[in-house]
């Protein structure tokens, strides 16, 4: 596979990833427009879940930035196995799924907290399988050895190694930050949904435990 083919293929996967995040946010937000938690707003459980959700969103954003410090611009050129990539082959998707849990928690529901993360992880699984096929062709034996050593998704903390971050690329980090900020849109958006539902402007068709 030539360098141009590698760059073109990688660009396609990155666009697919961003589109996947955007579609998930839109679809899940649409569901929340007509759903409501069993725990009414301003109750202790609802407030606790929202707070935990905010923490998860920021954890997801920070984790994505951490992963980008290691992978930025090197994904198709070499096997990156340091930092978060020493414990999972797909830390960007892991942290995105954590942030998705935080988005679901803004409904004040345990079901949506877990469900959003599971849906996000399942959607990314499709992208991961395509990326693995590409990386096996592009990187060969070193990547196959990395696949055998490091789990695909769920982190194995005992494998952690600091590794090398390579050359720092501010532009790549900025793109990752802007992608991650999409999750923060959930905070004011769901507050507006809550207010509209309580005022009777939006219908409540079902409730989440």
N, C-alpha and C. Protein backbone atom coordinates (compact mmCIF):
# COMPACT_ATOMS: atom_id res chain seq x y z
N UNK A 1 0.85 -1.20 0.00
CA UNK A 1 0.00 0.00 0.00
C UNK A 1 0.88 1.25 0.00
N UNK A 2 0.68 2.15 -0.97
CA UNK A 2 1.50 3.36 -1.08
C UNK A 2 1.15 4.36 0.01
N UNK A 3 2.05 5.37 0.17
CA UNK A 3 1.81 6.40 1.18
C UNK A 3 0.53 7.17 0.90
N UNK A 4 0.27 7.46 -0.39
CA UNK A 4 -0.96 8.19 -0.74
C UNK A 4 -2.21 7.37 -0.43
N UNK A 5 -2.13 6.07 -0.71
CA UNK A 5 -3.27 5.19 -0.41
C UNK A 5 -3.51 5.11 1.08
N UNK A 6 -2.43 5.06 1.85
CA UNK A 6 -2.54 5.00 3.31
C UNK A 6 -3.19 6.27 3.85
N UNK A 7 -2.72 7.44 3.36
CA UNK A 7 -3.27 8.71 3.83
C UNK A 7 -4.74 8.84 3.45
N UNK A 8 -5.07 8.40 2.23
CA UNK A 8 -6.47 8.48 1.78
C UNK A 8 -7.37 7.59 2.62
N UNK A 9 -6.91 6.36 2.87
CA UNK A 9 -7.71 5.42 3.66
C UNK A 9 -7.87 5.91 5.09
N UNK A 10 -6.79 6.42 5.67
CA UNK A 10 -6.86 6.91 7.04
C UNK A 10 -7.78 8.11 7.13
N UNK A 11 -7.72 9.00 6.12
CA UNK A 11 -8.62 10.15 6.11
C UNK A 11 -10.07 9.73 6.08
N UNK A 12 -10.38 8.68 5.32
CA UNK A 12 -11.75 8.16 5.26
C UNK A 12 -12.21 7.65 6.61
N UNK A 13 -11.34 6.92 7.31
CA UNK A 13 -11.70 6.39 8.62
C UNK A 13 -11.90 7.50 9.63
N UNK A 14 -11.07 8.55 9.57
CA UNK A 14 -11.22 9.66 10.50
C UNK A 14 -12.51 10.42 10.25
N UNK A 15 -12.87 10.59 8.98
CA UNK A 15 -14.15 11.24 8.67
C UNK A 15 -15.33 10.38 9.12
N UNK A 16 -15.19 9.07 8.95
CA UNK A 16 -16.24 8.16 9.41
C UNK A 16 -16.42 8.26 10.91
N UNK A 17 -15.30 8.35 11.63
CA UNK A 17 -15.35 8.45 13.09
C UNK A 17 -16.07 9.71 13.54
N UNK A 18 -15.72 10.84 12.92
CA UNK A 18 -16.37 12.10 13.29
C UNK A 18 -17.85 12.08 12.94
N UNK A 19 -18.18 11.52 11.78
CA UNK A 19 -19.58 11.42 11.39
C UNK A 19 -20.35 10.53 12.35
N UNK A 20 -19.71 9.43 12.80
CA UNK A 20 -20.35 8.52 13.75
C UNK A 20 -20.69 9.24 15.05
N UNK A 21 -19.75 10.03 15.55
CA UNK A 21 -19.99 10.77 16.79
C UNK A 21 -21.14 11.75 16.61
N UNK A 22 -21.14 12.48 15.50
CA UNK A 22 -22.19 13.47 15.25
C UNK A 22 -23.56 12.82 15.13
N UNK A 23 -23.65 11.71 14.40
CA UNK A 23 -24.92 11.01 14.23
C UNK A 23 -25.43 10.48 15.55
N UNK A 24 -24.53 9.91 16.36
CA UNK A 24 -24.93 9.37 17.66
C UNK A 24 -25.50 10.46 18.56
N UNK A 25 -24.83 11.61 18.58
CA UNK A 25 -25.30 12.71 19.43
C UNK A 25 -26.69 13.16 18.98
N UNK A 26 -26.89 13.30 17.69
CA UNK A 26 -28.19 13.76 17.16
C UNK A 26 -29.30 12.76 17.46
N UNK A 27 -29.02 11.47 17.20
CA UNK A 27 -30.03 10.42 17.42
C UNK A 27 -30.39 10.31 18.89
N UNK A 28 -29.38 10.28 19.75
CA UNK A 28 -29.65 10.12 21.18
C UNK A 28 -30.37 11.35 21.74
N UNK A 29 -30.00 12.52 21.24
CA UNK A 29 -30.69 13.73 21.68
C UNK A 29 -32.15 13.70 21.26
N UNK A 30 -32.41 13.20 20.06
CA UNK A 30 -33.79 13.10 19.57
C UNK A 30 -34.62 12.19 20.46
N UNK A 31 -34.00 11.10 20.94
CA UNK A 31 -34.71 10.19 21.85
C UNK A 31 -35.07 10.90 23.14
N UNK A 32 -34.14 11.71 23.62
CA UNK A 32 -34.37 12.38 24.90
C UNK A 32 -35.45 13.47 24.81
N UNK A 33 -35.75 13.93 23.61
CA UNK A 33 -36.77 14.97 23.46
C UNK A 33 -38.14 14.48 23.93
N UNK A 34 -38.37 13.17 23.84
CA UNK A 34 -39.68 12.63 24.21
C UNK A 34 -39.58 11.64 25.37
N UNK A 35 -38.42 11.54 26.01
CA UNK A 35 -38.25 10.64 27.14
C UNK A 35 -37.89 11.40 28.40
N UNK A 36 -38.14 10.78 29.53
CA UNK A 36 -37.85 11.43 30.81
C UNK A 36 -37.49 10.37 31.84
N UNK A 37 -36.67 10.75 32.80
CA UNK A 37 -36.26 9.82 33.84
C UNK A 37 -37.39 9.57 34.84
N UNK A 38 -37.38 8.36 35.45
CA UNK A 38 -38.30 8.08 36.55
C UNK A 38 -38.00 8.98 37.75
N UNK A 39 -36.75 9.46 37.82
CA UNK A 39 -36.34 10.33 38.92
C UNK A 39 -36.52 11.78 38.48
N UNK A 40 -37.51 12.48 39.00
CA UNK A 40 -37.79 13.85 38.56
C UNK A 40 -36.61 14.78 38.79
N UNK A 41 -36.51 15.85 37.99
CA UNK A 41 -35.46 16.85 38.22
C UNK A 41 -35.52 17.39 39.64
N UNK A 42 -34.36 17.77 40.15
CA UNK A 42 -34.20 18.35 41.49
C UNK A 42 -34.30 17.31 42.61
N UNK A 43 -34.47 16.02 42.28
CA UNK A 43 -34.40 14.98 43.31
C UNK A 43 -32.94 14.56 43.47
N UNK A 44 -32.57 14.02 44.66
CA UNK A 44 -31.16 13.67 44.92
C UNK A 44 -30.56 12.71 43.88
N UNK A 45 -31.31 11.68 43.48
CA UNK A 45 -30.77 10.71 42.52
C UNK A 45 -30.53 11.37 41.17
N UNK A 46 -31.49 12.15 40.71
CA UNK A 46 -31.36 12.84 39.43
C UNK A 46 -30.15 13.77 39.44
N UNK A 47 -30.02 14.55 40.48
CA UNK A 47 -28.91 15.50 40.58
C UNK A 47 -27.57 14.78 40.66
N UNK A 48 -27.52 13.66 41.41
CA UNK A 48 -26.28 12.90 41.52
C UNK A 48 -25.85 12.35 40.16
N UNK A 49 -26.81 11.80 39.42
CA UNK A 49 -26.48 11.24 38.10
C UNK A 49 -26.00 12.33 37.14
N UNK A 50 -26.63 13.49 37.20
CA UNK A 50 -26.19 14.59 36.34
C UNK A 50 -24.76 15.00 36.69
N UNK A 51 -24.44 15.06 37.98
CA UNK A 51 -23.10 15.44 38.41
C UNK A 51 -22.07 14.41 37.97
N UNK A 52 -22.40 13.13 38.17
CA UNK A 52 -21.51 12.06 37.72
C UNK A 52 -21.32 12.15 36.20
N UNK A 53 -22.40 12.48 35.50
CA UNK A 53 -22.33 12.60 34.06
C UNK A 53 -21.38 13.69 33.60
N UNK A 54 -21.41 14.82 34.29
CA UNK A 54 -20.49 15.92 33.95
C UNK A 54 -19.04 15.47 34.12
N UNK A 55 -18.77 14.74 35.21
CA UNK A 55 -17.43 14.22 35.45
C UNK A 55 -17.01 13.27 34.33
N UNK A 56 -17.93 12.40 33.92
CA UNK A 56 -17.63 11.44 32.85
C UNK A 56 -17.37 12.14 31.51
N UNK A 57 -18.13 13.19 31.22
CA UNK A 57 -17.92 13.93 29.98
C UNK A 57 -16.52 14.55 29.96
N UNK A 58 -16.14 15.21 31.06
CA UNK A 58 -14.81 15.82 31.10
C UNK A 58 -13.71 14.77 31.11
N UNK A 59 -13.95 13.63 31.76
CA UNK A 59 -12.99 12.53 31.74
C UNK A 59 -12.80 12.03 30.30
N UNK A 60 -13.91 11.91 29.58
CA UNK A 60 -13.84 11.47 28.20
C UNK A 60 -13.06 12.44 27.33
N UNK A 61 -13.30 13.74 27.49
CA UNK A 61 -12.60 14.76 26.69
C UNK A 61 -11.11 14.77 27.01
N UNK A 62 -10.77 14.74 28.30
CA UNK A 62 -9.36 14.74 28.70
C UNK A 62 -8.67 13.47 28.22
N UNK A 63 -9.37 12.33 28.32
CA UNK A 63 -8.80 11.07 27.86
C UNK A 63 -8.53 11.08 26.37
N UNK A 64 -9.44 11.67 25.59
CA UNK A 64 -9.24 11.76 24.15
C UNK A 64 -8.02 12.63 23.82
N UNK A 65 -7.84 13.72 24.56
CA UNK A 65 -6.67 14.56 24.35
C UNK A 65 -5.39 13.82 24.71
N UNK A 66 -5.43 13.06 25.80
CA UNK A 66 -4.27 12.25 26.22
C UNK A 66 -3.90 11.25 25.12
N UNK A 67 -4.89 10.57 24.58
CA UNK A 67 -4.62 9.61 23.51
C UNK A 67 -4.05 10.29 22.28
N UNK A 68 -4.55 11.48 21.95
CA UNK A 68 -4.09 12.19 20.77
C UNK A 68 -2.63 12.64 20.90
N UNK A 69 -2.20 12.93 22.13
CA UNK A 69 -0.80 13.29 22.35
C UNK A 69 0.13 12.19 21.88
N UNK A 70 -0.33 10.95 21.98
CA UNK A 70 0.49 9.80 21.58
C UNK A 70 0.30 9.43 20.12
N UNK A 71 -0.92 9.48 19.63
CA UNK A 71 -1.22 8.96 18.29
C UNK A 71 -1.15 10.01 17.20
N UNK A 72 -1.27 11.30 17.56
CA UNK A 72 -1.42 12.36 16.57
C UNK A 72 -0.47 12.28 15.39
N UNK A 73 -0.98 11.99 14.22
CA UNK A 73 -0.20 11.96 13.00
C UNK A 73 0.64 10.72 12.78
N UNK A 74 0.60 9.75 13.72
CA UNK A 74 1.48 8.58 13.59
C UNK A 74 0.72 7.29 13.35
N UNK A 75 -0.60 7.33 13.28
CA UNK A 75 -1.39 6.10 13.27
C UNK A 75 -1.06 5.19 12.10
N UNK A 76 -0.84 5.76 10.93
CA UNK A 76 -0.58 4.93 9.75
C UNK A 76 0.91 4.73 9.49
N UNK A 77 1.77 5.38 10.30
CA UNK A 77 3.20 5.33 10.04
C UNK A 77 3.94 4.32 10.91
N UNK A 78 3.42 4.08 12.11
CA UNK A 78 4.10 3.17 13.04
C UNK A 78 3.11 2.66 14.08
N UNK A 79 3.51 1.62 14.79
CA UNK A 79 2.67 1.09 15.87
C UNK A 79 2.91 1.93 17.12
N UNK A 80 1.88 2.60 17.58
CA UNK A 80 1.97 3.41 18.80
C UNK A 80 1.49 2.55 19.96
N UNK A 81 2.36 2.32 20.92
CA UNK A 81 2.02 1.39 22.01
C UNK A 81 2.32 1.96 23.39
N UNK A 82 2.49 3.27 23.49
CA UNK A 82 2.76 3.89 24.78
C UNK A 82 1.54 4.58 25.35
N UNK A 83 1.62 4.96 26.63
CA UNK A 83 0.53 5.67 27.27
C UNK A 83 -0.78 4.89 27.22
N UNK A 84 -1.87 5.53 26.83
CA UNK A 84 -3.16 4.84 26.79
C UNK A 84 -3.18 3.69 25.79
N UNK A 85 -2.30 3.77 24.77
CA UNK A 85 -2.25 2.70 23.76
C UNK A 85 -1.53 1.46 24.26
N UNK A 86 -0.97 1.53 25.46
CA UNK A 86 -0.35 0.33 26.04
C UNK A 86 -1.37 -0.54 26.76
N UNK A 87 -2.55 0.02 27.06
CA UNK A 87 -3.56 -0.73 27.81
C UNK A 87 -4.81 -1.05 26.99
N UNK A 88 -5.00 -0.34 25.88
CA UNK A 88 -6.10 -0.62 24.95
C UNK A 88 -5.69 -0.13 23.58
N UNK A 89 -6.10 -0.85 22.53
CA UNK A 89 -5.72 -0.44 21.18
C UNK A 89 -6.56 0.74 20.68
N UNK A 90 -7.64 1.04 21.35
CA UNK A 90 -8.55 2.09 20.88
C UNK A 90 -8.98 3.05 21.99
N UNK A 91 -8.02 3.72 22.62
CA UNK A 91 -8.39 4.61 23.73
C UNK A 91 -9.29 5.77 23.32
N UNK A 92 -9.16 6.27 22.08
CA UNK A 92 -10.05 7.35 21.65
C UNK A 92 -11.51 6.91 21.70
N UNK A 93 -11.77 5.67 21.29
CA UNK A 93 -13.14 5.17 21.30
C UNK A 93 -13.59 4.82 22.72
N UNK A 94 -12.67 4.34 23.55
CA UNK A 94 -13.00 4.06 24.95
C UNK A 94 -13.43 5.34 25.65
N UNK A 95 -12.64 6.39 25.50
CA UNK A 95 -12.97 7.65 26.17
C UNK A 95 -14.20 8.32 25.57
N UNK A 96 -14.43 8.13 24.28
CA UNK A 96 -15.66 8.65 23.67
C UNK A 96 -16.88 7.95 24.26
N UNK A 97 -16.76 6.65 24.51
CA UNK A 97 -17.87 5.89 25.10
C UNK A 97 -18.12 6.32 26.54
N UNK A 98 -17.03 6.64 27.26
CA UNK A 98 -17.18 7.16 28.63
C UNK A 98 -17.93 8.49 28.61
N UNK A 99 -17.55 9.36 27.66
CA UNK A 99 -18.24 10.64 27.54
C UNK A 99 -19.71 10.44 27.16
N UNK A 100 -19.98 9.42 26.35
CA UNK A 100 -21.37 9.12 25.97
C UNK A 100 -22.18 8.71 27.19
N UNK A 101 -21.55 7.96 28.09
CA UNK A 101 -22.23 7.63 29.36
C UNK A 101 -22.60 8.92 30.10
N UNK A 102 -21.68 9.88 30.09
CA UNK A 102 -21.95 11.16 30.74
C UNK A 102 -23.10 11.90 30.10
N UNK A 103 -23.20 11.80 28.78
CA UNK A 103 -24.32 12.43 28.07
C UNK A 103 -25.64 11.79 28.51
N UNK A 104 -25.66 10.45 28.55
CA UNK A 104 -26.86 9.74 28.98
C UNK A 104 -27.26 10.07 30.41
N UNK A 105 -26.25 10.33 31.25
CA UNK A 105 -26.52 10.64 32.65
C UNK A 105 -27.23 11.98 32.83
N UNK A 106 -27.15 12.85 31.81
CA UNK A 106 -27.81 14.14 31.93
C UNK A 106 -29.33 14.03 31.96
N UNK A 107 -29.84 12.86 31.59
CA UNK A 107 -31.28 12.62 31.71
C UNK A 107 -31.66 12.24 33.14
N UNK A 108 -30.66 12.01 33.99
CA UNK A 108 -30.94 11.60 35.35
C UNK A 108 -31.42 10.17 35.44
N UNK A 109 -30.95 9.32 34.51
CA UNK A 109 -31.41 7.93 34.43
C UNK A 109 -30.22 6.98 34.41
N UNK A 110 -30.31 5.91 35.19
CA UNK A 110 -29.27 4.89 35.19
C UNK A 110 -29.25 4.15 33.85
N UNK A 111 -30.44 3.89 33.32
CA UNK A 111 -30.56 3.17 32.05
C UNK A 111 -29.88 3.92 30.91
N UNK A 112 -30.15 5.22 30.80
CA UNK A 112 -29.54 5.99 29.70
C UNK A 112 -28.05 6.21 29.93
N UNK A 113 -27.63 6.29 31.19
CA UNK A 113 -26.21 6.43 31.48
C UNK A 113 -25.43 5.24 30.90
N UNK A 114 -25.91 4.04 31.22
CA UNK A 114 -25.25 2.83 30.72
C UNK A 114 -25.54 2.63 29.23
N UNK A 115 -26.80 2.85 28.85
CA UNK A 115 -27.22 2.58 27.48
C UNK A 115 -26.49 3.43 26.44
N UNK A 116 -26.29 4.70 26.73
CA UNK A 116 -25.59 5.56 25.76
C UNK A 116 -24.16 5.08 25.54
N UNK A 117 -23.50 4.67 26.62
CA UNK A 117 -22.13 4.16 26.49
C UNK A 117 -22.08 2.89 25.67
N UNK A 118 -23.03 1.99 25.91
CA UNK A 118 -23.07 0.72 25.18
C UNK A 118 -23.36 0.96 23.70
N UNK A 119 -24.31 1.84 23.41
CA UNK A 119 -24.64 2.14 22.01
C UNK A 119 -23.44 2.75 21.30
N UNK A 120 -22.76 3.67 21.98
CA UNK A 120 -21.59 4.32 21.39
C UNK A 120 -20.49 3.29 21.12
N UNK A 121 -20.23 2.43 22.10
CA UNK A 121 -19.18 1.41 21.94
C UNK A 121 -19.52 0.45 20.81
N UNK A 122 -20.80 0.08 20.70
CA UNK A 122 -21.22 -0.84 19.64
C UNK A 122 -21.04 -0.20 18.26
N UNK A 123 -21.36 1.08 18.15
CA UNK A 123 -21.19 1.77 16.87
C UNK A 123 -19.71 1.87 16.50
N UNK A 124 -18.88 2.18 17.47
CA UNK A 124 -17.45 2.28 17.21
C UNK A 124 -16.83 0.93 16.87
N UNK A 125 -17.44 -0.14 17.35
CA UNK A 125 -16.91 -1.48 17.06
C UNK A 125 -16.82 -1.72 15.55
N UNK A 126 -17.80 -1.21 14.82
CA UNK A 126 -17.80 -1.35 13.36
C UNK A 126 -16.60 -0.62 12.76
N UNK A 127 -16.34 0.61 13.24
CA UNK A 127 -15.21 1.38 12.76
C UNK A 127 -13.89 0.70 13.13
N UNK A 128 -13.83 0.16 14.35
CA UNK A 128 -12.61 -0.50 14.82
C UNK A 128 -12.24 -1.66 13.92
N UNK A 129 -13.21 -2.47 13.55
CA UNK A 129 -12.92 -3.63 12.71
C UNK A 129 -12.37 -3.20 11.35
N UNK A 130 -12.90 -2.12 10.80
CA UNK A 130 -12.40 -1.61 9.51
C UNK A 130 -10.99 -1.07 9.68
N UNK A 131 -10.74 -0.35 10.76
CA UNK A 131 -9.41 0.21 10.99
C UNK A 131 -8.37 -0.89 11.19
N UNK A 132 -8.76 -1.94 11.90
CA UNK A 132 -7.82 -3.04 12.13
C UNK A 132 -7.38 -3.68 10.81
N UNK A 133 -8.32 -3.85 9.91
CA UNK A 133 -8.00 -4.44 8.60
C UNK A 133 -7.01 -3.54 7.86
N UNK A 134 -7.24 -2.25 7.90
CA UNK A 134 -6.35 -1.29 7.25
C UNK A 134 -4.97 -1.29 7.89
N UNK A 135 -4.90 -1.27 9.22
CA UNK A 135 -3.63 -1.19 9.92
C UNK A 135 -2.80 -2.47 9.77
N UNK A 136 -3.47 -3.61 9.69
CA UNK A 136 -2.73 -4.85 9.45
C UNK A 136 -2.04 -4.81 8.10
N UNK A 137 -2.70 -4.26 7.10
CA UNK A 137 -2.10 -4.15 5.77
C UNK A 137 -0.99 -3.09 5.75
N UNK A 138 -1.20 -1.99 6.47
CA UNK A 138 -0.25 -0.88 6.42
C UNK A 138 0.99 -1.12 7.28
N UNK A 139 0.82 -1.77 8.44
CA UNK A 139 1.92 -1.90 9.39
C UNK A 139 2.48 -3.31 9.52
N UNK A 140 1.73 -4.31 9.07
CA UNK A 140 2.25 -5.67 9.02
C UNK A 140 2.49 -6.34 10.36
N UNK A 141 3.60 -7.08 10.46
CA UNK A 141 3.91 -7.92 11.62
C UNK A 141 3.95 -7.17 12.95
N UNK A 142 4.54 -5.96 13.00
CA UNK A 142 4.56 -5.24 14.29
C UNK A 142 3.15 -4.99 14.84
N UNK A 143 2.22 -4.69 13.94
CA UNK A 143 0.85 -4.43 14.41
C UNK A 143 0.17 -5.73 14.85
N UNK A 144 0.46 -6.83 14.15
CA UNK A 144 -0.10 -8.12 14.54
C UNK A 144 0.39 -8.51 15.93
N UNK A 145 1.66 -8.23 16.23
CA UNK A 145 2.21 -8.51 17.56
C UNK A 145 1.54 -7.62 18.61
N UNK A 146 1.30 -6.38 18.24
CA UNK A 146 0.61 -5.45 19.15
C UNK A 146 -0.81 -5.92 19.42
N UNK A 147 -1.50 -6.40 18.38
CA UNK A 147 -2.86 -6.92 18.55
C UNK A 147 -2.89 -8.12 19.50
N UNK A 148 -1.87 -8.94 19.44
CA UNK A 148 -1.82 -10.14 20.29
C UNK A 148 -1.55 -9.78 21.74
N UNK A 149 -0.94 -8.63 21.97
CA UNK A 149 -0.52 -8.25 23.33
C UNK A 149 -1.52 -7.35 24.05
N UNK A 150 -2.16 -6.44 23.31
CA UNK A 150 -3.00 -5.41 23.93
C UNK A 150 -4.46 -5.63 23.54
N UNK A 151 -5.38 -5.54 24.51
CA UNK A 151 -6.81 -5.76 24.20
C UNK A 151 -7.37 -4.71 23.26
N UNK A 152 -8.38 -5.13 22.50
CA UNK A 152 -9.00 -4.25 21.49
C UNK A 152 -9.69 -3.05 22.13
N UNK A 153 -10.43 -3.26 23.22
CA UNK A 153 -11.25 -2.16 23.75
C UNK A 153 -11.10 -1.99 25.26
N UNK A 154 -11.51 -2.96 26.03
CA UNK A 154 -11.48 -2.79 27.48
C UNK A 154 -10.04 -2.75 27.99
N UNK A 155 -9.65 -1.66 28.66
CA UNK A 155 -8.25 -1.48 29.07
C UNK A 155 -7.78 -2.55 30.06
N UNK A 156 -6.52 -2.94 29.91
CA UNK A 156 -5.85 -3.82 30.86
C UNK A 156 -4.76 -3.00 31.52
N UNK A 157 -5.05 -2.47 32.71
CA UNK A 157 -4.19 -1.48 33.35
C UNK A 157 -2.81 -2.02 33.69
N UNK A 158 -2.70 -3.31 33.91
CA UNK A 158 -1.41 -3.90 34.27
C UNK A 158 -0.39 -3.81 33.14
N UNK A 159 -0.83 -3.51 31.93
CA UNK A 159 0.07 -3.43 30.78
C UNK A 159 0.66 -2.03 30.60
N UNK A 160 0.27 -1.09 31.44
CA UNK A 160 0.62 0.32 31.19
C UNK A 160 2.13 0.56 31.09
N UNK A 161 2.51 1.29 30.04
CA UNK A 161 3.87 1.76 29.83
C UNK A 161 3.79 3.20 29.34
N UNK A 162 4.71 4.03 29.80
CA UNK A 162 4.68 5.45 29.45
C UNK A 162 4.89 5.66 27.95
N UNK A 163 5.93 5.08 27.40
CA UNK A 163 6.17 5.19 25.97
C UNK A 163 6.56 6.58 25.52
N UNK A 164 6.55 6.79 24.21
CA UNK A 164 7.00 8.03 23.58
C UNK A 164 5.81 8.71 22.90
N UNK A 165 5.66 10.02 23.13
CA UNK A 165 4.56 10.75 22.52
C UNK A 165 4.88 11.19 21.10
N UNK A 166 6.14 11.04 20.67
CA UNK A 166 6.50 11.46 19.33
C UNK A 166 6.49 12.97 19.22
N UNK A 167 6.37 13.49 18.00
CA UNK A 167 6.36 14.94 17.80
C UNK A 167 4.97 15.49 18.10
N UNK A 168 4.90 16.56 18.85
CA UNK A 168 3.64 17.17 19.23
C UNK A 168 3.03 17.93 18.07
N UNK A 169 1.76 17.69 17.77
CA UNK A 169 1.08 18.34 16.66
C UNK A 169 -0.13 19.11 17.19
N UNK A 170 0.03 20.42 17.44
CA UNK A 170 -1.07 21.22 18.00
C UNK A 170 -2.35 21.16 17.19
N UNK A 171 -2.23 21.13 15.85
CA UNK A 171 -3.44 21.12 15.01
C UNK A 171 -4.28 19.87 15.25
N UNK A 172 -3.61 18.71 15.35
CA UNK A 172 -4.32 17.46 15.59
C UNK A 172 -4.99 17.48 16.95
N UNK A 173 -4.28 18.03 17.94
CA UNK A 173 -4.84 18.12 19.29
C UNK A 173 -6.06 19.04 19.31
N UNK A 174 -5.99 20.13 18.55
CA UNK A 174 -7.12 21.07 18.49
C UNK A 174 -8.34 20.41 17.85
N UNK A 175 -8.12 19.63 16.79
CA UNK A 175 -9.24 18.93 16.13
C UNK A 175 -9.90 17.96 17.10
N UNK A 176 -9.07 17.24 17.87
CA UNK A 176 -9.61 16.30 18.85
C UNK A 176 -10.41 17.03 19.93
N UNK A 177 -9.90 18.18 20.37
CA UNK A 177 -10.61 18.97 21.37
C UNK A 177 -11.96 19.43 20.84
N UNK A 178 -12.00 19.91 19.62
CA UNK A 178 -13.26 20.38 19.03
C UNK A 178 -14.25 19.22 18.88
N UNK A 179 -13.74 18.03 18.49
CA UNK A 179 -14.61 16.85 18.41
C UNK A 179 -15.21 16.54 19.78
N UNK A 180 -14.37 16.59 20.82
CA UNK A 180 -14.81 16.24 22.16
C UNK A 180 -15.80 17.23 22.74
N UNK A 181 -15.68 18.49 22.34
CA UNK A 181 -16.58 19.51 22.88
C UNK A 181 -18.02 19.29 22.47
N UNK A 182 -18.24 18.45 21.44
CA UNK A 182 -19.61 18.11 21.05
C UNK A 182 -20.37 17.53 22.23
N UNK A 183 -19.66 16.76 23.06
CA UNK A 183 -20.32 16.15 24.23
C UNK A 183 -20.81 17.20 25.23
N UNK A 184 -20.10 18.33 25.31
CA UNK A 184 -20.50 19.37 26.26
C UNK A 184 -21.80 20.05 25.87
N UNK A 185 -22.17 19.94 24.60
CA UNK A 185 -23.44 20.52 24.14
C UNK A 185 -24.60 19.91 24.92
N UNK A 186 -24.40 18.67 25.42
CA UNK A 186 -25.47 17.98 26.15
C UNK A 186 -25.88 18.74 27.41
N UNK A 187 -24.96 19.45 28.03
CA UNK A 187 -25.26 20.08 29.32
C UNK A 187 -26.36 21.13 29.20
N UNK A 188 -26.19 22.20 28.40
CA UNK A 188 -27.29 23.17 28.29
C UNK A 188 -28.48 22.62 27.52
N UNK A 189 -28.23 21.74 26.55
CA UNK A 189 -29.33 21.23 25.72
C UNK A 189 -30.33 20.44 26.56
N UNK A 190 -29.84 19.57 27.45
CA UNK A 190 -30.75 18.75 28.25
C UNK A 190 -31.44 19.55 29.33
N UNK A 191 -30.81 20.63 29.78
CA UNK A 191 -31.49 21.52 30.72
C UNK A 191 -32.70 22.16 30.04
N UNK A 192 -32.53 22.54 28.79
CA UNK A 192 -33.64 23.12 28.03
C UNK A 192 -34.75 22.10 27.82
N UNK A 193 -34.35 20.84 27.53
CA UNK A 193 -35.34 19.77 27.34
C UNK A 193 -36.13 19.55 28.62
N UNK A 194 -35.42 19.49 29.76
CA UNK A 194 -36.08 19.31 31.06
C UNK A 194 -37.11 20.42 31.29
N UNK A 195 -36.70 21.66 31.04
CA UNK A 195 -37.60 22.80 31.26
C UNK A 195 -38.81 22.74 30.34
N UNK A 196 -38.59 22.37 29.07
CA UNK A 196 -39.68 22.29 28.11
C UNK A 196 -40.66 21.18 28.46
N UNK A 197 -40.15 20.06 28.96
CA UNK A 197 -41.03 18.95 29.35
C UNK A 197 -41.85 19.32 30.58
N UNK A 198 -41.22 19.98 31.57
CA UNK A 198 -41.95 20.38 32.77
C UNK A 198 -43.02 21.43 32.45
N UNK A 199 -42.76 22.25 31.42
CA UNK A 199 -43.72 23.28 31.03
C UNK A 199 -44.80 22.73 30.11
N UNK A 200 -44.67 21.46 29.70
CA UNK A 200 -45.66 20.86 28.82
C UNK A 200 -45.47 21.17 27.35
N UNK A 201 -44.36 21.83 27.02
CA UNK A 201 -44.10 22.17 25.62
C UNK A 201 -43.71 20.92 24.83
N UNK A 202 -42.91 20.04 25.47
CA UNK A 202 -42.52 18.78 24.85
C UNK A 202 -43.28 17.64 25.53
N UNK A 203 -43.76 16.66 24.74
CA UNK A 203 -44.47 15.52 25.36
C UNK A 203 -43.48 14.53 25.97
N UNK A 204 -43.94 13.80 26.97
CA UNK A 204 -43.15 12.71 27.56
C UNK A 204 -43.82 11.41 27.19
N UNK A 205 -43.24 10.68 26.21
CA UNK A 205 -43.86 9.47 25.69
C UNK A 205 -43.45 8.24 26.48
N UNK A 206 -42.31 8.29 27.15
CA UNK A 206 -41.86 7.13 27.95
C UNK A 206 -40.88 7.61 29.01
N UNK A 207 -40.66 6.76 30.01
CA UNK A 207 -39.74 7.10 31.10
C UNK A 207 -38.66 6.04 31.24
N UNK A 208 -37.46 6.50 31.61
CA UNK A 208 -36.32 5.62 31.81
C UNK A 208 -36.10 5.39 33.31
N UNK A 209 -35.86 4.16 33.72
CA UNK A 209 -35.51 3.92 35.14
C UNK A 209 -34.11 4.43 35.46
